[in-house]
PDB file of N, CA and C in Angstrom:
ATOM      1  N   MET A   1      13.062  -5.207  16.313  1.00  0.00           N
ATOM      2  CA  MET A   1      13.234  -3.707  16.747  1.00  0.00           C
ATOM      3  C   MET A   1      12.300  -3.270  16.126  1.00  0.00           C
ATOM      4  N   THR A   2      11.681  -2.207  16.939  1.00  0.00           N
ATOM      5  CA  THR A   2      10.512  -1.173  16.328  1.00  0.00           C
ATOM      6  C   THR A   2      11.508   0.444  15.527  1.00  0.00           C
ATOM      7  N   THR A   3      11.241   1.097  15.125  1.00  0.00           N
ATOM      8  CA  THR A   3      11.353   2.264  14.028  1.00  0.00           C
ATOM      9  C   THR A   3      11.360   2.759  15.664  1.00  0.00           C
ATOM     10  N   GLN A   4      10.469   3.067  16.366  1.00  0.00           N
ATOM     11  CA  GLN A   4      10.532   4.138  17.815  1.00  0.00           C
ATOM     12  C   GLN A   4      11.604   3.613  18.513  1.00  0.00           C
ATOM     13  N   ASP A   5      11.784   1.932  18.580  1.00  0.00           N
ATOM     14  CA  ASP A   5      12.592   1.634  19.751  1.00  0.00           C
ATOM     15  C   ASP A   5      13.829   2.064  19.380  1.00  0.00           C
ATOM     16  N   LYS A   6      14.217   1.975  17.801  1.00  0.00           N
ATOM     17  CA  LYS A   6      15.236   2.837  17.031  1.00  0.00           C
ATOM     18  C   LYS A   6      16.023   3.816  17.126  1.00  0.00           C
ATOM     19  N   SER A   7      14.811   4.388  17.299  1.00  0.00           N
ATOM     20  CA  SER A   7      15.238   6.477  17.401  1.00  0.00           C
ATOM     21  C   SER A   7      15.305   6.396  18.776  1.00  0.00           C
ATOM     22  N   GLU A   8      14.597   5.791  20.002  1.00  0.00           N
ATOM     23  CA  GLU A   8      15.025   5.807  21.170  1.00  0.00           C
ATOM     24  C   GLU A   8      16.404   5.809  21.481  1.00  0.00           C
ATOM     25  N   SER A   9      17.006   4.668  20.849  1.00  0.00           N
ATOM     26  CA  SER A   9      18.629   3.732  20.941  1.00  0.00           C
ATOM     27  C   SER A   9      19.080   4.797  20.960  1.00  0.00           C
ATOM     28  N   PHE A  10      18.562   5.276  19.428  1.00  0.00           N
ATOM     29  CA  PHE A  10      20.459   6.447  18.853  1.00  0.00           C
ATOM     30  C   PHE A  10      20.360   7.534  19.242  1.00  0.00           C
ATOM     31  N   TYR A  11      18.550   7.777  19.862  1.00  0.00           N
ATOM     32  CA  TYR A  11      19.171   9.606  21.045  1.00  0.00           C
ATOM     33  C   TYR A  11      19.289   8.789  21.949  1.00  0.00           C
ATOM     34  N   GLN A  12      19.370   7.697  22.806  1.00  0.00           N
ATOM     35  CA  GLN A  12      20.271   7.833  23.761  1.00  0.00           C
ATOM     36  C   GLN A  12      21.528   7.494  23.693  1.00  0.00           C
ATOM     37  N   GLN A  13      22.110   7.162  22.668  1.00  0.00           N
ATOM     38  CA  GLN A  13      23.002   7.337  22.098  1.00  0.00           C
ATOM     39  C   GLN A  13      23.887   8.336  22.470  1.00  0.00           C
ATOM     40  N   GLN A  14      23.724   9.175  21.692  1.00  0.00           N
ATOM     41  CA  GLN A  14      23.733  10.470  21.776  1.00  0.00           C
ATOM     42  C   GLN A  14      24.117  11.125  22.392  1.00  0.00           C
ATOM     43  N   ILE A  15      23.083  11.281  23.347  1.00  0.00           N
ATOM     44  CA  ILE A  15      23.097  11.690  24.555  1.00  0.00           C
ATOM     45  C   ILE A  15      24.378  11.412  25.183  1.00  0.00           C
ATOM     46  N   GLU A  16      24.872   9.652  25.489  1.00  0.00           N
ATOM     47  CA  GLU A  16      25.899   9.435  25.990  1.00  0.00           C
ATOM     48  C   GLU A  16      27.313  10.453  25.361  1.00  0.00           C
ATOM     49  N   LEU A  17      27.356   9.797  24.018  1.00  0.00           N
ATOM     50  CA  LEU A  17      28.044  10.872  23.660  1.00  0.00           C
ATOM     51  C   LEU A  17      28.408  12.534  23.513  1.00  0.00           C
ATOM     52  N   SER A  18      26.970  12.854  23.857  1.00  0.00           N
ATOM     53  CA  SER A  18      27.257  14.494  23.945  1.00  0.00           C
ATOM     54  C   SER A  18      28.574  14.596  25.850  1.00  0.00           C
ATOM     55  N   LYS A  19      27.677  13.561  26.308  1.00  0.00           N
ATOM     56  CA  LYS A  19      28.233  14.066  27.772  1.00  0.00           C
ATOM     57  C   LYS A  19      30.015  14.428  28.033  1.00  0.00           C
ATOM     58  N   ASN A  20      30.394  13.670  27.063  1.00  0.00           N
ATOM     59  CA  ASN A  20      31.785  14.010  26.776  1.00  0.00           C
ATOM     60  C   ASN A  20      31.846  15.609  25.979  1.00  0.00           C
ATOM     61  N   ASP A  21      31.123  15.983  25.002  1.00  0.00           N
ATOM     62  CA  ASP A  21      30.937  17.297  24.586  1.00  0.00           C
ATOM     63  C   ASP A  21      30.102  18.034  25.104  1.00  0.00           C
ATOM     64  N   PRO A  22      30.600  18.940  26.099  1.00  0.00           N
ATOM     65  CA  PRO A  22      29.625  19.871  27.051  1.00  0.00           C
ATOM     66  C   PRO A  22      29.011  20.758  25.481  1.00  0.00           C
ATOM     67  N   VAL A  23      29.261  21.042  25.113  1.00  0.00           N
ATOM     68  CA  VAL A  23      29.169  22.114  23.859  1.00  0.00           C
ATOM     69  C   VAL A  23      27.668  21.604  23.133  1.00  0.00           C
ATOM     70  N   ASP A  24      27.574  20.295  23.078  1.00  0.00           N
ATOM     71  CA  ASP A  24      26.177  20.149  22.481  1.00  0.00           C
ATOM     72  C   ASP A  24      24.760  19.877  23.503  1.00  0.00           C
ATOM     73  N   SER A  25      23.719  20.028  23.151  1.00  0.00           N
ATOM     74  CA  SER A  25      22.734  19.860  23.952  1.00  0.00           C
ATOM     75  C   SER A  25      21.580  18.973  23.556  1.00  0.00           C
ATOM     76  N   GLU A  26      20.997  18.451  24.375  1.00  0.00           N
ATOM     77  CA  GLU A  26      19.652  17.443  24.060  1.00  0.00           C
ATOM     78  C   GLU A  26      19.065  18.211  23.049  1.00  0.00           C
ATOM     79  N   GLU A  27      18.729  19.588  23.267  1.00  0.00           N
ATOM     80  CA  GLU A  27      17.747  19.625  21.722  1.00  0.00           C
ATOM     81  C   GLU A  27      18.154  19.419  20.721  1.00  0.00           C
ATOM     82  N   GLU A  28      19.879  20.220  20.709  1.00  0.00           N
ATOM     83  CA  GLU A  28      20.737  20.076  19.350  1.00  0.00           C
ATOM     84  C   GLU A  28      20.510  18.666  18.894  1.00  0.00           C
ATOM     85  N   ILE A  29      20.993  17.508  19.449  1.00  0.00           N
ATOM     86  CA  ILE A  29      20.850  15.827  19.289  1.00  0.00           C
ATOM     87  C   ILE A  29      19.330  15.569  18.564  1.00  0.00           C
ATOM     88  N   LEU A  30      18.084  16.264  19.554  1.00  0.00           N
ATOM     89  CA  LEU A  30      16.834  15.653  19.219  1.00  0.00           C
ATOM     90  C   LEU A  30      16.828  16.617  17.390  1.00  0.00           C
ATOM     91  N   LYS A  31      17.034  17.714  17.395  1.00  0.00           N
ATOM     92  CA  LYS A  31      17.192  17.864  16.159  1.00  0.00           C
ATOM     93  C   LYS A  31      17.724  17.477  15.487  1.00  0.00           C
ATOM     94  N   HIS A  32      19.117  16.995  15.108  1.00  0.00           N
ATOM     95  CA  HIS A  32      19.572  16.305  14.352  1.00  0.00           C
ATOM     96  C   HIS A  32      18.912  14.791  13.791  1.00  0.00           C
ATOM     97  N   ALA A  33      18.608  14.571  14.902  1.00  0.00           N
ATOM     98  CA  ALA A  33      17.854  13.231  14.815  1.00  0.00           C
ATOM     99  C   ALA A  33      16.707  12.985  13.941  1.00  0.00           C
ATOM    100  N   ILE A  34      15.846  14.574  14.243  1.00  0.00           N
ATOM    101  CA  ILE A  34      14.861  14.426  13.679  1.00  0.00           C
ATOM    102  C   ILE A  34      14.910  15.167  12.388  1.00  0.00           C
ATOM    103  N   LEU A  35      16.202  15.694  11.631  1.00  0.00           N
ATOM    104  CA  LEU A  35      16.203  16.200  10.467  1.00  0.00           C
ATOM    105  C   LEU A  35      16.166  15.528   9.335  1.00  0.00           C
ATOM    106  N   ARG A  36      16.500  13.885   9.757  1.00  0.00           N
ATOM    107  CA  ARG A  36      16.571  12.178   8.879  1.00  0.00           C
ATOM    108  C   ARG A  36      15.380  12.509   8.209  1.00  0.00           C
ATOM    109  N   LEU A  37      15.651  11.949   6.696  1.00  0.00           N
ATOM    110  CA  LEU A  37      13.815  11.933   6.423  1.00  0.00           C
ATOM    111  C   LEU A  37      14.219  10.127   5.969  1.00  0.00           C
ATOM    112  N   ASN A  38      13.273   9.280   6.221  1.00  0.00           N
ATOM    113  CA  ASN A  38      12.667   8.219   5.905  1.00  0.00           C
ATOM    114  C   ASN A  38      12.284   8.069   4.132  1.00  0.00           C
ATOM    115  N   GLY A  39      13.060   7.711   3.300  1.00  0.00           N
ATOM    116  CA  GLY A  39      12.833   7.969   1.646  1.00  0.00           C
ATOM    117  C   GLY A  39      11.560   6.745   1.346  1.00  0.00           C
ATOM    118  N   GLN A  40      11.582   5.678   2.264  1.00  0.00           N
ATOM    119  CA  GLN A  40      11.080   4.745   2.084  1.00  0.00           C
ATOM    120  C   GLN A  40       9.403   4.851   2.568  1.00  0.00           C
ATOM    121  N   VAL A  41       9.705   5.553   3.820  1.00  0.00           N
ATOM    122  CA  VAL A  41       8.007   6.054   4.038  1.00  0.00           C
ATOM    123  C   VAL A  41       7.625   6.712   3.150  1.00  0.00           C
ATOM    124  N   VAL A  42       7.976   7.934   2.683  1.00  0.00           N
ATOM    125  CA  VAL A  42       7.833   8.770   1.777  1.00  0.00           C
ATOM    126  C   VAL A  42       7.068   8.629   0.270  1.00  0.00           C
ATOM    127  N   GLY A  43       8.424   7.317   0.347  1.00  0.00           N
ATOM    128  CA  GLY A  43       7.683   6.358  -1.077  1.00  0.00           C
ATOM    129  C   GLY A  43       6.509   6.298  -0.963  1.00  0.00           C
ATOM    130  N   ILE A  44       5.923   4.741  -0.152  1.00  0.00           N
ATOM    131  CA  ILE A  44       5.168   4.652   0.160  1.00  0.00           C
ATOM    132  C   ILE A  44       4.328   5.310   0.308  1.00  0.00           C
ATOM    133  N   VAL A  45       3.895   6.373   0.900  1.00  0.00           N
ATOM    134  CA  VAL A  45       2.867   7.510   0.926  1.00  0.00           C
ATOM    135  C   VAL A  45       2.839   8.265  -0.319  1.00  0.00           C
ATOM    136  N   LEU A  46       3.963   8.612  -1.090  1.00  0.00           N
ATOM    137  CA  LEU A  46       3.755   9.413  -2.543  1.00  0.00           C
ATOM    138  C   LEU A  46       2.760   7.950  -3.724  1.00  0.00           C
ATOM    139  N   GLY A  47       3.418   6.877  -3.723  1.00  0.00           N
ATOM    140  CA  GLY A  47       3.241   6.003  -3.921  1.00  0.00           C
ATOM    141  C   GLY A  47       1.889   5.626  -4.049  1.00  0.00           C
ATOM    142  N   LEU A  48       1.261   5.268  -2.854  1.00  0.00           N
ATOM    143  CA  LEU A  48      -0.361   4.817  -2.847  1.00  0.00           C
ATOM    144  C   LEU A  48      -1.439   6.274  -2.844  1.00  0.00           C
ATOM    145  N   ILE A  49      -0.519   7.531  -3.044  1.00  0.00           N
ATOM    146  CA  ILE A  49      -1.500   8.910  -3.691  1.00  0.00           C
ATOM    147  C   ILE A  49      -1.799   9.092  -4.842  1.00  0.00           C
ATOM    148  N   GLY A  50       0.168   8.436  -5.636  1.00  0.00           N
ATOM    149  CA  GLY A  50      -0.267   8.095  -7.017  1.00  0.00           C
ATOM    150  C   GLY A  50      -1.072   7.035  -7.793  1.00  0.00           C
ATOM    151  N   ALA A  51      -1.049   6.266  -6.581  1.00  0.00           N
ATOM    152  CA  ALA A  51      -1.984   5.067  -7.423  1.00  0.00           C
ATOM    153  C   ALA A  51      -3.708   5.178  -7.044  1.00  0.00           C
ATOM    154  N   LEU A  52      -3.621   5.837  -6.272  1.00  0.00           N
ATOM    155  CA  LEU A  52      -5.407   6.557  -5.510  1.00  0.00           C
ATOM    156  C   LEU A  52      -5.573   7.053  -6.728  1.00  0.00           C
ATOM    157  N   VAL A  53      -4.892   8.305  -7.263  1.00  0.00           N
ATOM    158  CA  VAL A  53      -5.412   9.328  -7.685  1.00  0.00           C
ATOM    159  C   VAL A  53      -5.805   8.711  -9.732  1.00  0.00           C
ATOM    160  N   ILE A  54      -4.924   7.824  -9.753  1.00  0.00           N
ATOM    161  CA  ILE A  54      -5.351   7.442 -11.010  1.00  0.00           C
ATOM    162  C   ILE A  54      -6.166   6.467 -11.546  1.00  0.00           C
ATOM    163  N   PHE A  55      -6.022   5.422 -10.182  1.00  0.00           N
ATOM    164  CA  PHE A  55      -7.808   4.759  -9.885  1.00  0.00           C
ATOM    165  C   PHE A  55      -8.824   5.155 -10.101  1.00  0.00           C
ATOM    166  N   VAL A  56      -8.906   6.395  -8.880  1.00  0.00           N
ATOM    167  CA  VAL A  56     -10.319   6.759  -8.835  1.00  0.00           C
ATOM    168  C   VAL A  56     -10.369   8.247 -10.186  1.00  0.00           C
ATOM    169  N   ALA A  57      -9.709   8.882 -10.925  1.00  0.00           N
ATOM    170  CA  ALA A  57      -9.688   9.320 -12.172  1.00  0.00           C
ATOM    171  C   ALA A  57     -10.236   8.498 -13.434  1.00  0.00           C
ATOM    172  N   THR A  58      -9.377   7.356 -12.954  1.00  0.00           N
ATOM    173  CA  THR A  58      -9.955   6.314 -14.546  1.00  0.00           C
ATOM    174  C   THR A  58     -11.238   5.710 -14.635  1.00  0.00           C
ATOM    175  N   ASN A  59     -11.711   5.789 -13.322  1.00  0.00           N
ATOM    176  CA  ASN A  59     -13.188   5.040 -12.359  1.00  0.00           C
ATOM    177  C   ASN A  59     -13.733   6.156 -13.170  1.00  0.00           C
ATOM    178  N   TRP A  60     -13.848   6.968 -12.224  1.00  0.00           N
ATOM    179  CA  TRP A  60     -14.729   7.818 -12.616  1.00  0.00           C
ATOM    180  C   TRP A  60     -15.216   8.721 -14.211  1.00  0.00           C
ATOM    181  N   LEU A  61     -14.017   8.308 -14.541  1.00  0.00           N
ATOM    182  CA  LEU A  61     -14.498   8.739 -16.361  1.00  0.00           C
ATOM    183  C   LEU A  61     -15.170   7.511 -16.988  1.00  0.00           C
ATOM    184  N   VAL A  62     -14.720   6.521 -16.410  1.00  0.00           N
ATOM    185  CA  VAL A  62     -15.452   4.760 -17.279  1.00  0.00           C
ATOM    186  C   VAL A  62     -16.867   5.004 -16.109  1.00  0.00           C
ATOM    187  N   LEU A  63     -17.314   4.991 -15.030  1.00  0.00           N
ATOM    188  CA  LEU A  63     -18.455   5.260 -14.855  1.00  0.00           C
ATOM    189  C   LEU A  63     -19.040   6.521 -15.268  1.00  0.00           C
ATOM    190  N   LYS A  64     -18.513   7.611 -15.818  1.00  0.00           N
ATOM    191  CA  LYS A  64     -19.542   8.401 -15.862  1.00  0.00           C
ATOM    192  C   LYS A  64     -19.558   8.206 -17.766  1.00  0.00           C
ATOM    193  N   GLY A  65     -19.028   7.678 -18.256  1.00  0.00           N
ATOM    194  CA  GLY A  65     -19.300   7.089 -19.727  1.00  0.00           C
ATOM    195  C   GLY A  65     -19.028   8.305 -20.834  1.00  0.00           C
ATOM    196  N   GLY A  66     -19.904   8.358 -21.489  1.00  0.00           N
ATOM    197  CA  GLY A  66     -20.043   9.311 -23.107  1.00  0.00           C
ATOM    198  C   GLY A  66     -19.431   8.588 -24.363  1.00  0.00           C
ATOM    199  N   GLU A  67     -19.455   9.800 -25.464  1.00  0.00           N
ATOM    200  CA  GLU A  67     -19.011   9.166 -27.017  1.00  0.00           C
ATOM    201  C   GLU A  67     -17.610   8.576 -26.552  1.00  0.00           C
ATOM    202  N   VAL A  68     -17.037   9.974 -25.910  1.00  0.00           N
ATOM    203  CA  VAL A  68     -15.299  10.154 -25.762  1.00  0.00           C
ATOM    204  C   VAL A  68     -15.254   9.751 -24.243  1.00  0.00           C
ATOM    205  N   VAL A  69     -14.494   8.828 -24.121  1.00  0.00           N
ATOM    206  CA  VAL A  69     -14.174   8.319 -22.471  1.00  0.00           C
ATOM    207  C   VAL A  69     -12.781   9.129 -22.435  1.00  0.00           C
ATOM    208  N   GLY A  70     -12.704  10.253 -21.888  1.00  0.00           N
ATOM    209  CA  GLY A  70     -10.983  10.337 -21.082  1.00  0.00           C
ATOM    210  C   GLY A  70     -10.283  10.697 -22.188  1.00  0.00           C
ATOM    211  N   PRO A  71      -9.977  11.872 -23.584  1.00  0.00           N
ATOM    212  CA  PRO A  71      -8.777  11.358 -24.130  1.00  0.00           C
ATOM    213  C   PRO A  71      -7.206  11.949 -23.704  1.00  0.00           C
ATOM    214  N   HIS A  72      -8.083  13.045 -22.703  1.00  0.00           N
ATOM    215  CA  HIS A  72      -6.837  13.430 -22.192  1.00  0.00           C
ATOM    216  C   HIS A  72      -6.207  12.298 -21.159  1.00  0.00           C
ATOM    217  N   LEU A  73      -7.163  11.953 -20.318  1.00  0.00           N
ATOM    218  CA  LEU A  73      -6.081  10.649 -19.610  1.00  0.00           C
ATOM    219  C   LEU A  73      -5.865   9.857 -19.973  1.00  0.00           C
ATOM    220  N   GLY A  74      -6.480   9.185 -21.251  1.00  0.00           N
ATOM    221  CA  GLY A  74      -5.532   8.912 -22.277  1.00  0.00           C
ATOM    222  C   GLY A  74      -4.320   8.871 -22.883  1.00  0.00           C
ATOM    223  N   LEU A  75      -3.898   9.746 -22.509  1.00  0.00           N
ATOM    224  CA  LEU A  75      -2.561  10.234 -23.151  1.00  0.00           C
ATOM    225  C   LEU A  75      -1.425   9.606 -22.078  1.00  0.00           C
ATOM    226  N   LEU A  76      -1.798   8.871 -20.815  1.00  0.00           N
ATOM    227  CA  LEU A  76      -0.937   8.462 -20.134  1.00  0.00           C
ATOM    228  C   LEU A  76      -0.702   7.281 -20.691  1.00  0.00           C
ATOM    229  N   ASP A  77      -1.540   6.128 -21.452  1.00  0.00           N
ATOM    230  CA  ASP A  77      -0.394   5.156 -22.534  1.00  0.00           C
ATOM    231  C   ASP A  77       0.536   5.302 -22.874  1.00  0.00           C
ATOM    232  N   GLN A  78       0.591   6.709 -23.356  1.00  0.00           N
ATOM    233  CA  GLN A  78       2.239   7.152 -24.189  1.00  0.00           C
ATOM    234  C   GLN A  78       3.182   6.399 -23.298  1.00  0.00           C
ATOM    235  N   PHE A  79       2.942   6.505 -22.155  1.00  0.00           N
ATOM    236  CA  PHE A  79       4.295   6.744 -20.980  1.00  0.00           C
ATOM    237  C   PHE A  79       4.040   5.268 -19.950  1.00  0.00           C
ATOM    238  N   PHE A  80       2.990   5.052 -19.717  1.00  0.00           N
ATOM    239  CA  PHE A  80       2.481   3.834 -19.273  1.00  0.00           C
ATOM    240  C   PHE A  80       1.831   2.364 -19.854  1.00  0.00           C
ATOM    241  N   ILE A  81       2.780   1.407 -19.920  1.00  0.00           N
ATOM    242  CA  ILE A  81       2.439   0.417 -21.606  1.00  0.00           C
ATOM    243  C   ILE A  81       1.376  -0.020 -20.771  1.00  0.00           C
ATOM    244  N   GLY A  82       0.436  -0.151 -21.315  1.00  0.00           N
ATOM    245  CA  GLY A  82      -0.843  -1.354 -20.667  1.00  0.00           C
ATOM    246  C   GLY A  82      -2.131  -0.592 -20.616  1.00  0.00           C
ATOM    247  N   TYR A  83      -1.701   1.232 -19.810  1.00  0.00           N
ATOM    248  CA  TYR A  83      -2.750   1.452 -19.699  1.00  0.00           C
ATOM    249  C   TYR A  83      -3.660   2.301 -20.268  1.00  0.00           C
ATOM    250  N   SER A  84      -5.367   1.970 -20.250  1.00  0.00           N
ATOM    251  CA  SER A  84      -6.440   2.871 -20.861  1.00  0.00           C
ATOM    252  C   SER A  84      -7.340   2.949 -20.028  1.00  0.00           C
ATOM    253  N   VAL A  85      -8.403   3.904 -20.305  1.00  0.00           N
ATOM    254  CA  VAL A  85      -9.603   4.531 -20.588  1.00  0.00           C
ATOM    255  C   VAL A  85     -10.131   3.014 -19.546  1.00  0.00           C
ATOM    256  N   THR A  86     -10.085   1.911 -18.704  1.00  0.00           N
ATOM    257  CA  THR A  86     -10.439   0.970 -18.630  1.00  0.00           C
ATOM    258  C   THR A  86     -11.032   0.628 -17.297  1.00  0.00           C
ATOM    259  N   PHE A  87     -11.673  -0.394 -16.655  1.00  0.00           N
ATOM    260  CA  PHE A  87     -11.429  -0.819 -14.847  1.00  0.00           C
ATOM    261  C   PHE A  87     -10.258  -1.675 -15.315  1.00  0.00           C
ATOM    262  N   VAL A  88      -9.536  -1.897 -15.881  1.00  0.00           N
ATOM    263  CA  VAL A  88      -8.466  -3.066 -16.144  1.00  0.00           C
ATOM    264  C   VAL A  88      -7.031  -1.747 -16.026  1.00  0.00           C
ATOM    265  N   GLY A  89      -7.854  -1.480 -17.388  1.00  0.00           N
ATOM    266  CA  GLY A  89      -6.598   0.103 -16.919  1.00  0.00           C
ATOM    267  C   GLY A  89      -6.341   0.890 -15.869  1.00  0.00           C
ATOM    268  N   SER A  90      -6.947   0.830 -15.164  1.00  0.00           N
ATOM    269  CA  SER A  90      -7.060   1.891 -13.695  1.00  0.00           C
ATOM    270  C   SER A  90      -6.089   1.201 -12.967  1.00  0.00           C
ATOM    271  N   LEU A  91      -6.191  -0.525 -12.805  1.00  0.00           N
ATOM    272  CA  LEU A  91      -5.450  -1.200 -12.032  1.00  0.00           C
ATOM    273  C   LEU A  91      -4.013  -0.953 -12.551  1.00  0.00           C
ATOM    274  N   VAL A  92      -3.742  -1.200 -13.907  1.00  0.00           N
ATOM    275  CA  VAL A  92      -2.398  -0.963 -14.622  1.00  0.00           C
ATOM    276  C   VAL A  92      -2.321   0.420 -13.873  1.00  0.00           C
ATOM    277  N   GLY A  93      -2.785   1.076 -14.202  1.00  0.00           N
ATOM    278  CA  GLY A  93      -2.901   2.239 -14.143  1.00  0.00           C
ATOM    279  C   GLY A  93      -2.172   3.315 -12.590  1.00  0.00           C
ATOM    280  N   ALA A  94      -2.687   2.341 -11.693  1.00  0.00           N
ATOM    281  CA  ALA A  94      -2.511   1.951 -10.115  1.00  0.00           C
ATOM    282  C   ALA A  94      -0.647   1.604  -9.804  1.00  0.00           C
ATOM    283  N   LEU A  95      -0.610   0.452 -10.513  1.00  0.00           N
ATOM    284  CA  LEU A  95       0.818  -0.112 -10.377  1.00  0.00           C
ATOM    285  C   LEU A  95       1.781   1.068 -10.939  1.00  0.00           C
ATOM    286  N   TYR A  96       1.486   1.562 -12.064  1.00  0.00           N
ATOM    287  CA  TYR A  96       2.378   2.957 -12.567  1.00  0.00           C
ATOM    288  C   TYR A  96       2.617   3.591 -11.595  1.00  0.00           C
ATOM    289  N   GLY A  97       1.146   4.567 -11.140  1.00  0.00           N
ATOM    290  CA  GLY A  97       1.139   5.540 -10.087  1.00  0.00           C
ATOM    291  C   GLY A  97       1.865   5.442  -9.059  1.00  0.00           C
ATOM    292  N   PHE A  98       1.779   3.894  -8.286  1.00  0.00           N
ATOM    293  CA  PHE A  98       2.747   3.297  -7.024  1.00  0.00           C
ATOM    294  C   PHE A  98       4.124   3.863  -7.854  1.00  0.00           C
ATOM    295  N   ILE A  99       4.384   2.686  -8.555  1.00  0.00           N
ATOM    296  CA  ILE A  99       5.969   2.988  -8.581  1.00  0.00           C
ATOM    297  C   ILE A  99       6.842   4.365  -9.142  1.00  0.00           C
ATOM    298  N   VAL A 100       6.071   5.097  -9.886  1.00  0.00           N
ATOM    299  CA  VAL A 100       6.503   6.516 -10.139  1.00  0.00           C
ATOM    300  C   VAL A 100       6.412   6.766  -8.376  1.00  0.00           C
ATOM    301  N   GLY A 101       5.661   7.185  -7.965  1.00  0.00           N
ATOM    302  CA  GLY A 101       5.049   7.641  -6.976  1.00  0.00           C
ATOM    303  C   GLY A 101       6.433   6.787  -5.540  1.00  0.00           C
ATOM    304  N   TYR A 102       6.427   6.289  -5.630  1.00  0.00           N
ATOM    305  CA  TYR A 102       7.300   5.907  -4.970  1.00  0.00           C
ATOM    306  C   TYR A 102       8.913   5.603  -4.996  1.00  0.00           C
ATOM    307  N   VAL A 103       9.357   5.773  -5.944  1.00  0.00           N
ATOM    308  CA  VAL A 103      10.470   6.523  -6.674  1.00  0.00           C
ATOM    309  C   VAL A 103      10.851   7.859  -6.427  1.00  0.00           C
ATOM    310  N   GLY A 104       9.636   8.268  -6.217  1.00  0.00           N
ATOM    311  CA  GLY A 104       9.870  10.136  -6.578  1.00  0.00           C
ATOM    312  C   GLY A 104      10.084  10.338  -4.939  1.00  0.00           C
ATOM    313  N   GLY A 105       9.882   9.492  -4.015  1.00  0.00           N
ATOM    314  CA  GLY A 105       9.547   9.654  -2.528  1.00  0.00           C
ATOM    315  C   GLY A 105      10.917   8.786  -1.909  1.00  0.00           C
ATOM    316  N   LEU A 106      11.550   7.993  -2.796  1.00  0.00           N
ATOM    317  CA  LEU A 106      12.980   7.705  -2.650  1.00  0.00           C
ATOM    318  C   LEU A 106      13.823   9.081  -2.793  1.00  0.00           C
ATOM    319  N   LEU A 107      13.483   9.452  -4.192  1.00  0.00           N
ATOM    320  CA  LEU A 107      14.928  10.485  -4.290  1.00  0.00           C
ATOM    321  C   LEU A 107      14.283  12.040  -3.705  1.00  0.00           C
ATOM    322  N   ILE A 108      13.492  12.226  -2.856  1.00  0.00           N
ATOM    323  CA  ILE A 108      13.339  13.117  -2.206  1.00  0.00           C
ATOM    324  C   ILE A 108      13.716  12.213  -1.012  1.00  0.00           C
ATOM    325  N   GLY A 109      13.644  11.267  -0.190  1.00  0.00           N
ATOM    326  CA  GLY A 109      14.394  11.307   0.618  1.00  0.00           C
ATOM    327  C   GLY A 109      16.064  11.346   0.794  1.00  0.00           C
ATOM    328  N   TRP A 110      16.081  10.618   0.032  1.00  0.00           N
ATOM    329  CA  TRP A 110      18.221  10.810  -0.744  1.00  0.00           C
ATOM    330  C   TRP A 110      18.070  12.574  -0.799  1.00  0.00           C
ATOM    331  N   ILE A 111      17.421  13.100  -1.554  1.00  0.00           N
ATOM    332  CA  ILE A 111      17.890  14.576  -2.045  1.00  0.00           C
ATOM    333  C   ILE A 111      17.952  15.502  -0.274  1.00  0.00           C
ATOM    334  N   TYR A 112      17.121  15.675   0.475  1.00  0.00           N
ATOM    335  CA  TYR A 112      16.967  15.814   1.667  1.00  0.00           C
ATOM    336  C   TYR A 112      18.070  15.500   2.255  1.00  0.00           C
ATOM    337  N   ASN A 113      17.772  13.706   3.103  1.00  0.00           N
ATOM    338  CA  ASN A 113      19.014  13.909   3.704  1.00  0.00           C
ATOM    339  C   ASN A 113      20.583  14.449   3.254  1.00  0.00           C
ATOM    340  N   ALA A 114      20.619  13.915   1.754  1.00  0.00           N
ATOM    341  CA  ALA A 114      22.110  14.850   1.217  1.00  0.00           C
ATOM    342  C   ALA A 114      22.056  16.045   2.126  1.00  0.00           C
ATOM    343  N   ILE A 115      21.306  17.073   1.800  1.00  0.00           N
ATOM    344  CA  ILE A 115      21.266  18.241   1.738  1.00  0.00           C
ATOM    345  C   ILE A 115      21.418  18.207   3.556  1.00  0.00           C
ATOM    346  N   VAL A 116      20.620  17.603   4.291  1.00  0.00           N
ATOM    347  CA  VAL A 116      21.140  17.566   5.710  1.00  0.00           C
ATOM    348  C   VAL A 116      22.212  17.648   6.000  1.00  0.00           C
ATOM    349  N   PHE A 117      22.840  16.122   5.493  1.00  0.00           N
ATOM    350  CA  PHE A 117      24.201  16.217   5.420  1.00  0.00           C
ATOM    351  C   PHE A 117      25.471  17.177   5.784  1.00  0.00           C
ATOM    352  N   ILE A 118      25.150  17.474   4.415  1.00  0.00           N
ATOM    353  CA  ILE A 118      26.218  18.731   3.804  1.00  0.00           C
ATOM    354  C   ILE A 118      25.789  19.833   4.718  1.00  0.00           C
ATOM    355  N   ARG A 119      25.013  20.568   5.330  1.00  0.00           N
ATOM    356  CA  ARG A 119      24.492  21.733   5.952  1.00  0.00           C
ATOM    357  C   ARG A 119      24.449  21.171   7.527  1.00  0.00           C
ATOM    358  N   THR A 120      25.147  20.120   7.864  1.00  0.00           N
ATOM    359  CA  THR A 120      25.091  19.906   9.279  1.00  0.00           C
ATOM    360  C   THR A 120      26.671  20.018   9.726  1.00  0.00           C
ATOM    361  N   PRO A 121      27.335  19.734  10.732  1.00  0.00           N
ATOM    362  CA  PRO A 121      28.504  20.398  11.061  1.00  0.00           C
ATOM    363  C   PRO A 121      29.151  19.442  11.103  1.00  0.00           C
ATOM    364  N   LYS A 122      30.780  19.073  10.504  1.00  0.00           N
ATOM    365  CA  LYS A 122      31.118  18.160  10.744  1.00  0.00           C
ATOM    366  C   LYS A 122      31.391  17.277  11.953  1.00  0.00           C
ATOM    367  N   SER A 123      31.325  18.132  13.378  1.00  0.00           N
ATOM    368  CA  SER A 123      31.387  17.357  14.702  1.00  0.00           C
ATOM    369  C   SER A 123      30.142  16.392  14.999  1.00  0.00           C
ATOM    370  N   ARG A 124      29.021  16.749  14.381  1.00  0.00           N
ATOM    371  CA  ARG A 124      27.801  16.202  14.380  1.00  0.00           C
ATOM    372  C   ARG A 124      27.817  15.149  13.686  1.00  0.00           C
ATOM    373  N   ARG A 125      28.560  14.399  12.623  1.00  0.00           N
ATOM    374  CA  ARG A 125      28.579  13.587  11.708  1.00  0.00           C
ATOM    375  C   ARG A 125      28.529  11.927  12.223  1.00  0.00           C
TER     376      ARG A 125
END
């Protein structure tokens, strides 16, 4: 069952439940279903963005070259063990960037859904 099928199924179930409660409208049910945020999707997107940014920035400095290659970006090795301003280091940094972005996205989704849950009236939970 795809995500779209699950959302449509959830929407149909909510419509069936709302027939017993005339106060709820289909618009409110749809709004409530849309308010939820999928933390895994946000995590994957932020992870890919983080990985891409570190990978491109590191390789840009490697290709640019010069006497001193990326002293500021090189400070990431204080947080990302094994990272350096080299091509191999860009792969290591991309992995760390994905992990940090993914965990950040999960936290954003979790916090957002917690706030939506708190603000949702008890009758809609």
